[in-house]
Amino acid sequence: MENSNKYLHEVAITAIVVKNDTYLITRRSPTKRRFPGMWTVPGGRLEVHDYVSLPKDTEHYWYNVLEKTLKREVKEEVGIDIKNIKYVTSLARVHKDGAPSLVISCLTDYVGGDVVLEEGETDKHEWVTLEEANNHNLIEGIYDELVMAEKQRKGTKSEWKKT
């Protein structure tokens, strides 16, 4: 079923979490509809309740909505806290069911907490170096995002390209 509103997108945000020069990757549950059993980084979708239940920051707007969503999603999905959220890249897709989605990929720092996986979402996690990440069945494009994040950590900002 195709979306008839060309402006309506599912919005998701993901976290490339850094801890001691390693990155957190998770394996999606085999029961997930999209990319079952593949490795990725934590994140999730923006939901209206992420902001409408909060007081507006100005007369008309809520600010830091994506940042708050990412912190919530990472806490729910893997049980850890993050900070220093920085933009890496964005990607879009129209899924098989016709639903368009926009994903904002961010680099974040690990703050604390033990990894506790959300049942039904992910079934395994690892803290990996960039080189080790390439040995996992990552969703296409994720490794390239990790490369971008690594470069950004070293002071070089770049646009996504397939490596």
C-alpha atoms as a PDB file:
ATOM      1  CA  MET A   1       0.000   0.000   0.000  1.00  0.00           C
ATOM      2  CA  GLU A   2       1.593   3.245  -1.132  1.00  0.00           C
ATOM      3  CA  ASN A   3       1.507   6.330   1.074  1.00  0.00           C
ATOM      4  CA  SER A   4      -0.635   8.985  -0.637  1.00  0.00           C
ATOM      5  CA  ASN A   5       0.853  11.848   1.427  1.00  0.00           C
ATOM      6  CA  LYS A   6       4.220  12.656  -0.150  1.00  0.00           C
ATOM      7  CA  TYR A   7       5.277  14.544   3.001  1.00  0.00           C
ATOM      8  CA  LEU A   8       4.528  11.783   5.502  1.00  0.00           C
ATOM      9  CA  HIS A   9       7.604   9.704   6.446  1.00  0.00           C
ATOM     10  CA  GLU A  10       8.495   7.365   9.253  1.00  0.00           C
ATOM     11  CA  VAL A  11      11.416   9.107  10.996  1.00  0.00           C
ATOM     12  CA  ALA A  12      14.060   7.018  12.741  1.00  0.00           C
ATOM     13  CA  ILE A  13      17.331   7.909  14.427  1.00  0.00           C
ATOM     14  CA  THR A  14      20.284   5.632  15.130  1.00  0.00           C
ATOM     15  CA  ALA A  15      23.269   5.800  17.473  1.00  0.00           C
ATOM     16  CA  ILE A  16      26.812   4.870  16.629  1.00  0.00           C
ATOM     17  CA  VAL A  17      27.859   4.527  20.286  1.00  0.00           C
ATOM     18  CA  VAL A  18      31.568   4.863  21.097  1.00  0.00           C
ATOM     19  CA  LYS A  19      33.173   3.363  24.201  1.00  0.00           C
ATOM     20  CA  ASN A  20      36.962   3.031  24.551  1.00  0.00           C
ATOM     21  CA  ASP A  21      37.497   3.211  20.764  1.00  0.00           C
ATOM     22  CA  THR A  22      34.906   0.486  20.107  1.00  0.00           C
ATOM     23  CA  TYR A  23      31.408   0.666  18.649  1.00  0.00           C
ATOM     24  CA  LEU A  24      28.243  -1.009  19.908  1.00  0.00           C
ATOM     25  CA  ILE A  25      26.534  -3.215  17.345  1.00  0.00           C
ATOM     26  CA  THR A  26      23.443  -5.335  17.893  1.00  0.00           C
ATOM     27  CA  ARG A  27      21.900  -8.246  16.049  1.00  0.00           C
ATOM     28  CA  ARG A  28      18.253  -7.790  15.157  1.00  0.00           C
ATOM     29  CA  SER A  29      15.918 -10.482  16.415  1.00  0.00           C
ATOM     30  CA  PRO A  30      15.148 -13.203  13.843  1.00  0.00           C
ATOM     31  CA  THR A  31      11.452 -12.355  14.261  1.00  0.00           C
ATOM     32  CA  LYS A  32      11.862  -8.723  13.115  1.00  0.00           C
ATOM     33  CA  ARG A  33       9.980  -7.837   9.937  1.00  0.00           C
ATOM     34  CA  ARG A  34      12.808  -5.718   8.543  1.00  0.00           C
ATOM     35  CA  PHE A  35      16.376  -7.091   8.368  1.00  0.00           C
ATOM     36  CA  PRO A  36      15.875 -10.091  10.709  1.00  0.00           C
ATOM     37  CA  GLY A  37      19.086 -11.553  12.135  1.00  0.00           C
ATOM     38  CA  MET A  38      21.302  -8.816  10.692  1.00  0.00           C
ATOM     39  CA  TRP A  39      23.700  -6.619  12.660  1.00  0.00           C
ATOM     40  CA  THR A  40      23.142  -2.883  13.031  1.00  0.00           C
ATOM     41  CA  VAL A  41      23.438  -0.053  15.554  1.00  0.00           C
ATOM     42  CA  PRO A  42      20.769   0.788  18.149  1.00  0.00           C
ATOM     43  CA  GLY A  43      18.026   3.289  17.486  1.00  0.00           C
ATOM     44  CA  GLY A  44      14.378   3.616  16.685  1.00  0.00           C
ATOM     45  CA  ARG A  45      11.500   5.687  15.463  1.00  0.00           C
ATOM     46  CA  LEU A  46      10.322   9.120  16.453  1.00  0.00           C
ATOM     47  CA  GLU A  47       6.892   8.924  18.046  1.00  0.00           C
ATOM     48  CA  VAL A  48       4.506  11.840  18.522  1.00  0.00           C
ATOM     49  CA  HIS A  49       4.409  11.208  22.272  1.00  0.00           C
ATOM     50  CA  ASP A  50       8.177  11.897  22.337  1.00  0.00           C
ATOM     51  CA  TYR A  51       7.291  15.594  22.417  1.00  0.00           C
ATOM     52  CA  VAL A  52       3.562  16.410  22.614  1.00  0.00           C
ATOM     53  CA  SER A  53       3.380  15.474  26.293  1.00  0.00           C
ATOM     54  CA  LEU A  54       6.198  17.934  27.081  1.00  0.00           C
ATOM     55  CA  PRO A  55       5.900  21.703  27.443  1.00  0.00           C
ATOM     56  CA  LYS A  56       6.981  23.593  24.334  1.00  0.00           C
ATOM     57  CA  ASP A  57      10.372  25.280  24.474  1.00  0.00           C
ATOM     58  CA  THR A  58       9.078  28.334  22.609  1.00  0.00           C
ATOM     59  CA  GLU A  59       5.568  29.466  21.825  1.00  0.00           C
ATOM     60  CA  HIS A  60       5.404  27.170  18.794  1.00  0.00           C
ATOM     61  CA  TYR A  61       8.165  24.532  19.004  1.00  0.00           C
ATOM     62  CA  TRP A  62       9.695  21.665  20.923  1.00  0.00           C
ATOM     63  CA  TYR A  63      13.499  21.514  20.629  1.00  0.00           C
ATOM     64  CA  ASN A  64      15.970  18.605  20.834  1.00  0.00           C
ATOM     65  CA  VAL A  65      13.227  16.181  19.814  1.00  0.00           C
ATOM     66  CA  LEU A  66      15.512  13.817  17.901  1.00  0.00           C
ATOM     67  CA  GLU A  67      18.140  13.878  20.644  1.00  0.00           C
ATOM     68  CA  LYS A  68      15.546  12.990  23.295  1.00  0.00           C
ATOM     69  CA  THR A  69      14.136  10.256  21.050  1.00  0.00           C
ATOM     70  CA  LEU A  70      17.581   8.753  20.485  1.00  0.00           C
ATOM     71  CA  LYS A  71      18.389   8.730  24.194  1.00  0.00           C
ATOM     72  CA  ARG A  72      15.030   7.051  24.908  1.00  0.00           C
ATOM     73  CA  GLU A  73      15.420   4.478  22.141  1.00  0.00           C
ATOM     74  CA  VAL A  74      18.986   3.537  23.118  1.00  0.00           C
ATOM     75  CA  LYS A  75      17.947   3.202  26.771  1.00  0.00           C
ATOM     76  CA  GLU A  76      14.959   1.006  25.824  1.00  0.00           C
ATOM     77  CA  GLU A  77      16.810  -1.105  23.260  1.00  0.00           C
ATOM     78  CA  VAL A  78      20.168  -1.675  24.958  1.00  0.00           C
ATOM     79  CA  GLY A  79      19.847  -0.218  28.478  1.00  0.00           C
ATOM     80  CA  ILE A  80      22.688   2.330  28.320  1.00  0.00           C
ATOM     81  CA  ASP A  81      22.955   6.098  28.516  1.00  0.00           C
ATOM     82  CA  ILE A  82      24.533   8.250  25.808  1.00  0.00           C
ATOM     83  CA  LYS A  83      25.608  11.873  25.343  1.00  0.00           C
ATOM     84  CA  ASN A  84      27.265  14.210  22.803  1.00  0.00           C
ATOM     85  CA  ILE A  85      24.949  13.383  19.908  1.00  0.00           C
ATOM     86  CA  LYS A  86      26.465  14.479  16.589  1.00  0.00           C
ATOM     87  CA  TYR A  87      25.002  14.155  13.099  1.00  0.00           C
ATOM     88  CA  VAL A  88      26.772  11.695  10.769  1.00  0.00           C
ATOM     89  CA  THR A  89      24.466  11.151   7.771  1.00  0.00           C
ATOM     90  CA  SER A  90      20.913  10.488   6.662  1.00  0.00           C
ATOM     91  CA  LEU A  91      19.317   7.845   4.501  1.00  0.00           C
ATOM     92  CA  ALA A  92      15.893   7.185   3.048  1.00  0.00           C
ATOM     93  CA  ARG A  93      14.061   4.116   1.863  1.00  0.00           C
ATOM     94  CA  VAL A  94      10.652   3.040   0.652  1.00  0.00           C
ATOM     95  CA  HIS A  95       9.932  -0.318   2.286  1.00  0.00           C
ATOM     96  CA  LYS A  96       8.234  -3.261   0.553  1.00  0.00           C
ATOM     97  CA  ASP A  97       4.962  -2.271   2.220  1.00  0.00           C
ATOM     98  CA  GLY A  98       5.199   1.180   0.566  1.00  0.00           C
ATOM     99  CA  ALA A  99       6.066   3.029   3.790  1.00  0.00           C
ATOM    100  CA  PRO A 100       8.781   5.663   3.238  1.00  0.00           C
ATOM    101  CA  SER A 101      11.306   6.162   5.998  1.00  0.00           C
ATOM    102  CA  LEU A 102      14.007   8.681   6.787  1.00  0.00           C
ATOM    103  CA  VAL A 103      16.847   7.630   9.114  1.00  0.00           C
ATOM    104  CA  ILE A 104      19.213  10.089  10.802  1.00  0.00           C
ATOM    105  CA  SER A 105      22.487   8.456  11.825  1.00  0.00           C
ATOM    106  CA  CYS A 106      24.369   9.972  14.772  1.00  0.00           C
ATOM    107  CA  LEU A 107      27.655   9.501  16.583  1.00  0.00           C
ATOM    108  CA  THR A 108      27.321   9.378  20.377  1.00  0.00           C
ATOM    109  CA  ASP A 109      29.451   8.765  23.432  1.00  0.00           C
ATOM    110  CA  TYR A 110      28.702   6.011  25.939  1.00  0.00           C
ATOM    111  CA  VAL A 111      27.936   7.483  29.368  1.00  0.00           C
ATOM    112  CA  GLY A 112      27.153   4.441  31.480  1.00  0.00           C
ATOM    113  CA  GLY A 113      25.040   1.423  32.207  1.00  0.00           C
ATOM    114  CA  ASP A 114      25.264  -2.254  31.414  1.00  0.00           C
ATOM    115  CA  VAL A 115      23.971  -3.467  28.070  1.00  0.00           C
ATOM    116  CA  VAL A 116      20.591  -5.119  28.608  1.00  0.00           C
ATOM    117  CA  LEU A 117      18.901  -6.091  25.352  1.00  0.00           C
ATOM    118  CA  GLU A 118      15.210  -5.406  24.790  1.00  0.00           C
ATOM    119  CA  GLU A 119      13.511  -8.742  24.244  1.00  0.00           C
ATOM    120  CA  GLY A 120      12.103  -9.127  20.756  1.00  0.00           C
ATOM    121  CA  GLU A 121      14.238  -6.311  19.333  1.00  0.00           C
ATOM    122  CA  THR A 122      17.779  -7.672  19.491  1.00  0.00           C
ATOM    123  CA  ASP A 123      19.274 -10.966  20.581  1.00  0.00           C
ATOM    124  CA  LYS A 124      23.006 -10.239  20.744  1.00  0.00           C
ATOM    125  CA  HIS A 125      25.438  -7.323  21.094  1.00  0.00           C
ATOM    126  CA  GLU A 126      29.159  -6.719  20.762  1.00  0.00           C
ATOM    127  CA  TRP A 127      31.549  -3.825  21.294  1.00  0.00           C
ATOM    128  CA  VAL A 128      33.753  -3.948  18.183  1.00  0.00           C
ATOM    129  CA  THR A 129      36.554  -2.053  16.522  1.00  0.00           C
ATOM    130  CA  LEU A 130      35.986  -0.798  13.002  1.00  0.00           C
ATOM    131  CA  GLU A 131      37.926  -3.763  11.640  1.00  0.00           C
ATOM    132  CA  GLU A 132      35.946  -6.266  13.737  1.00  0.00           C
ATOM    133  CA  ALA A 133      32.637  -4.728  12.626  1.00  0.00           C
ATOM    134  CA  ASN A 134      33.380  -5.730   9.056  1.00  0.00           C
ATOM    135  CA  ASN A 135      33.320  -9.413  10.126  1.00  0.00           C
ATOM    136  CA  HIS A 136      29.598  -9.239  10.985  1.00  0.00           C
ATOM    137  CA  ASN A 137      26.561  -9.539   8.732  1.00  0.00           C
ATOM    138  CA  LEU A 138      25.804  -5.807   8.926  1.00  0.00           C
ATOM    139  CA  ILE A 139      22.845  -4.227   7.165  1.00  0.00           C
ATOM    140  CA  GLU A 140      24.222  -2.725   3.963  1.00  0.00           C
ATOM    141  CA  GLY A 141      25.561   0.791   4.572  1.00  0.00           C
ATOM    142  CA  ILE A 142      26.143   0.436   8.325  1.00  0.00           C
ATOM    143  CA  TYR A 143      29.848  -0.337   7.949  1.00  0.00           C
ATOM    144  CA  ASP A 144      30.211   2.764   5.762  1.00  0.00           C
ATOM    145  CA  GLU A 145      28.510   4.812   8.501  1.00  0.00           C
ATOM    146  CA  LEU A 146      30.987   3.409  11.036  1.00  0.00           C
ATOM    147  CA  VAL A 147      33.839   4.465   8.736  1.00  0.00           C
ATOM    148  CA  MET A 148      32.341   7.980   8.603  1.00  0.00           C
ATOM    149  CA  ALA A 149      32.022   8.039  12.392  1.00  0.00           C
ATOM    150  CA  GLU A 150      35.644   6.945  12.801  1.00  0.00           C
ATOM    151  CA  LYS A 151      36.792   9.731  10.456  1.00  0.00           C
ATOM    152  CA  GLN A 152      34.584  12.266  12.256  1.00  0.00           C
ATOM    153  CA  ARG A 153      36.123  11.267  15.601  1.00  0.00           C
ATOM    154  CA  LYS A 154      39.509  12.064  14.057  1.00  0.00           C
ATOM    155  CA  GLY A 155      38.331  15.476  12.825  1.00  0.00           C
ATOM    156  CA  THR A 156      37.314  14.740   9.239  1.00  0.00           C
ATOM    157  CA  LYS A 157      33.661  15.235   8.291  1.00  0.00           C
ATOM    158  CA  SER A 158      32.552  13.442   5.112  1.00  0.00           C
ATOM    159  CA  GLU A 159      29.513  12.450   3.138  1.00  0.00           C
ATOM    160  CA  TRP A 160      28.431   8.808   2.924  1.00  0.00           C
ATOM    161  CA  LYS A 161      29.933   6.696   0.178  1.00  0.00           C
ATOM    162  CA  LYS A 162      30.092   2.967  -0.246  1.00  0.00           C
ATOM    163  CA  THR A 163      33.509   1.596   0.705  1.00  0.00           C
END
